[in-house]
Each structure stands twice: as structure tokens, then as C-alpha cells.
Protein backbone atom coordinates (compact mmCIF):
# COMPACT_ATOMS: atom_id res chain seq x y z
CA MET A 1 -55.24 59.13 24.59
CA ALA A 2 -54.82 56.24 22.03
CA ALA A 3 -57.04 58.20 19.54
CA GLY A 4 -55.17 61.52 19.64
CA LEU A 5 -51.94 59.70 19.39
CA ALA A 6 -53.26 57.50 16.17
CA MET A 7 -54.57 60.95 14.68
CA ALA A 8 -51.06 62.42 15.25
CA ALA A 9 -49.41 59.68 13.41
CA ALA A 10 -51.87 59.70 10.44
CA ALA A 11 -51.24 63.24 10.14
CA LEU A 12 -47.37 62.68 9.93
CA ALA A 13 -47.86 60.05 7.29
CA ALA A 14 -50.32 62.26 5.34
CA SER A 15 -48.28 65.47 5.41
CA ALA A 16 -44.98 64.04 4.49
CA PRO A 17 -43.43 63.63 0.92
CA ARG A 18 -43.88 60.64 -0.84
CA ALA A 19 -40.44 58.51 -0.74
CA ASP A 20 -40.80 57.77 -4.44
CA THR A 21 -40.55 61.62 -5.43
CA GLY A 22 -37.50 62.34 -7.42
CA PRO A 23 -35.59 65.45 -7.38
CA ALA A 24 -36.78 68.87 -8.85
CA HIS A 25 -36.27 69.28 -12.63
CA GLY A 26 -32.97 69.92 -13.48
CA GLU A 27 -31.48 68.08 -10.29
CA PRO A 28 -29.21 65.10 -10.64
CA ARG A 29 -30.31 61.78 -9.34
CA ALA A 30 -27.78 60.06 -7.07
CA PRO A 31 -27.33 56.18 -7.59
CA ALA A 32 -28.59 54.08 -5.14
CA ALA A 33 -25.32 52.94 -4.03
CA ALA A 34 -24.72 56.23 -3.12
CA ALA A 35 -27.16 56.28 -0.39
CA GLN A 36 -24.75 55.39 2.50
CA ASP A 37 -21.19 56.00 2.66
CA VAL A 38 -18.47 53.64 4.44
CA ARG A 39 -19.63 54.57 7.95
CA GLY A 40 -23.24 54.14 7.33
CA ALA A 41 -23.75 57.90 7.53
CA ARG A 42 -27.30 59.39 6.53
CA THR A 43 -27.56 60.92 3.06
CA ALA A 44 -30.09 63.35 1.52
CA ARG A 45 -32.08 60.39 0.46
CA ASP A 46 -32.56 59.17 3.86
CA ALA A 47 -33.33 62.67 5.21
CA ARG A 48 -36.53 62.82 3.00
CA ASP A 49 -38.07 59.65 5.52
CA VAL A 50 -37.31 61.63 8.73
CA VAL A 51 -40.05 63.29 10.52
CA ARG A 52 -40.35 65.27 13.70
CA ALA A 53 -42.39 63.31 15.91
CA PRO A 54 -43.86 64.75 19.23
CA VAL A 55 -43.42 62.21 22.07
CA ARG A 56 -44.90 62.30 25.62
CA ILE A 57 -42.42 60.97 27.97
CA ALA A 58 -43.89 59.67 31.54
CA ASP A 59 -41.15 61.26 33.64
CA ALA A 60 -41.34 64.99 33.32
CA ALA A 61 -38.01 65.19 35.47
CA ALA A 62 -35.85 63.06 33.10
CA VAL A 63 -37.18 65.51 30.19
CA ARG A 64 -35.73 68.34 32.02
CA LEU A 65 -32.37 66.97 31.55
CA LEU A 66 -32.68 66.73 27.70
CA ARG A 67 -31.55 69.56 25.41
CA PRO A 68 -31.69 69.73 21.65
CA GLY A 69 -29.01 67.73 20.15
CA ASP A 70 -29.06 65.10 22.73
CA ARG A 71 -29.56 61.47 21.56
CA VAL A 72 -32.19 59.20 23.48
CA ASP A 73 -33.27 55.85 23.21
CA VAL A 74 -37.22 55.59 23.65
CA LEU A 75 -38.52 52.63 25.63
CA ALA A 76 -42.01 51.27 26.15
CA ALA A 77 -41.98 48.90 28.90
CA ALA A 78 -38.99 46.81 28.43
CA ARG A 79 -39.13 47.26 24.61
CA VAL A 80 -36.70 49.86 22.93
CA VAL A 81 -38.68 51.66 20.24
CA ALA A 82 -36.31 53.83 19.05
CA MET A 83 -32.51 53.97 19.33
CA ALA A 84 -30.36 57.14 19.30
CA ALA A 85 -32.96 59.56 18.20
CA PRO A 86 -31.89 63.02 18.14
CA VAL A 87 -33.84 65.51 20.32
CA VAL A 88 -35.14 68.47 18.25
CA SER A 89 -36.76 70.56 20.74
CA VAL A 90 -37.84 70.24 24.35
CA PRO A 91 -41.06 72.45 24.65
CA SER A 92 -41.48 74.27 28.00
CA ALA A 93 -44.33 72.65 30.12
CA GLY A 94 -47.51 74.62 29.32
CA GLY A 95 -49.38 73.26 32.67
CA GLY A 96 -52.64 74.33 31.00
CA PRO A 97 -56.40 72.72 31.60
CA GLY A 98 -56.47 69.26 30.41
CA GLU A 99 -52.41 69.00 30.45
CA ARG A 100 -51.58 65.46 30.92
CA GLU A 101 -48.57 64.05 33.10
CA GLY A 102 -45.46 63.80 31.96
CA ALA A 103 -43.47 66.07 29.31
CA LEU A 104 -43.37 66.34 25.54
CA ILE A 105 -40.12 66.05 23.57
CA VAL A 106 -39.83 66.36 19.64
CA LEU A 107 -37.56 63.85 18.04
CA ALA A 108 -36.20 63.49 14.52
CA VAL A 109 -36.89 59.94 13.65
CA PRO A 110 -37.81 57.68 10.29
CA ARG A 111 -41.46 57.79 9.57
CA ARG A 112 -41.81 54.15 10.50
CA THR A 113 -39.99 54.82 13.82
CA ALA A 114 -42.54 57.59 14.45
CA ALA A 115 -45.41 55.28 13.90
CA GLU A 116 -43.85 52.62 16.28
CA ILE A 117 -43.38 55.06 19.20
CA THR A 118 -46.95 56.30 18.48
CA GLY A 119 -48.37 52.76 18.67
CA ALA A 120 -46.29 52.02 21.77
CA ALA A 121 -47.47 55.23 23.68
CA ALA A 122 -51.28 54.18 23.03
CA SER A 123 -50.75 51.31 25.40
CA THR A 124 -47.69 52.25 27.81
CA PRO A 125 -45.83 55.07 29.27
CA LEU A 126 -42.93 55.98 27.36
CA ALA A 127 -39.40 56.51 28.88
CA VAL A 128 -36.05 57.76 27.66
CA THR A 129 -32.40 57.16 28.19
CA LEU A 130 -29.45 59.44 27.32
CA CYS A 131 -27.16 57.85 24.64
């Protein structure tokens, strides 16, 4: 299981655009000071660092409570590994051969958070709390 999660994290990192890539030819570059507004809201610059991370949650019944658009904290043992992560999708359980316990959700999180979730999942079951 750990090897599969590590491979998923590596694939996410390799397939995402580099953070230092600039805007397309002819598009204006936003000044660094404009990266966040007064409320700390995310901007287009921050959105380049967000990936969709599949996360297996140990409690399938808890996952059945989730809908796209919900926000969750992801917990590994007593440690929070992601805070207020938006749920992008809740795939239906396939239940095919080799299906692991728990249920899968897809979260939109910063690349670094996706790596932290993957690392935590390699050694402990993950849980979610609704925000």
C-alpha cells in the first residue's frame, strides 16, 4: 500500500506544471504583492499549486456523508495533515476484486499538502472531520 501511495505522489508531482512557469506569451504578470487580497483569498497564482489528490479514508460510512464542495480536515492518528480541504468528488465504491477497505475521496489541496497526506497514509489510516 505504501509503495502505491508513494507512486501516486510522485505522479502528481511529475505531472503538474512547474511553479516558476510564467504566464502565456502576451499575458500580463501579476505583481507578487497581488498574490493575496486583504482577506487572504486565493488567487490564480496560488491555483497553479493546487492538485487533485485521491485520498483513501478508513471509515467508508463517514465518506458517504460527504458531497463535492464540502470542506474537511484530514487526520492521521492525532495529527491534522490537511485543513479545510475542499472535496472535489466522492467516487462510488467499485467493490471489485482487490478493493481495499475504506472509501476514496478526491480533494483539491496544495501540492505539498498532497505529499503530506500520502506520506501519512503510508503508515496510518486516515479520517476526516467536516468543517
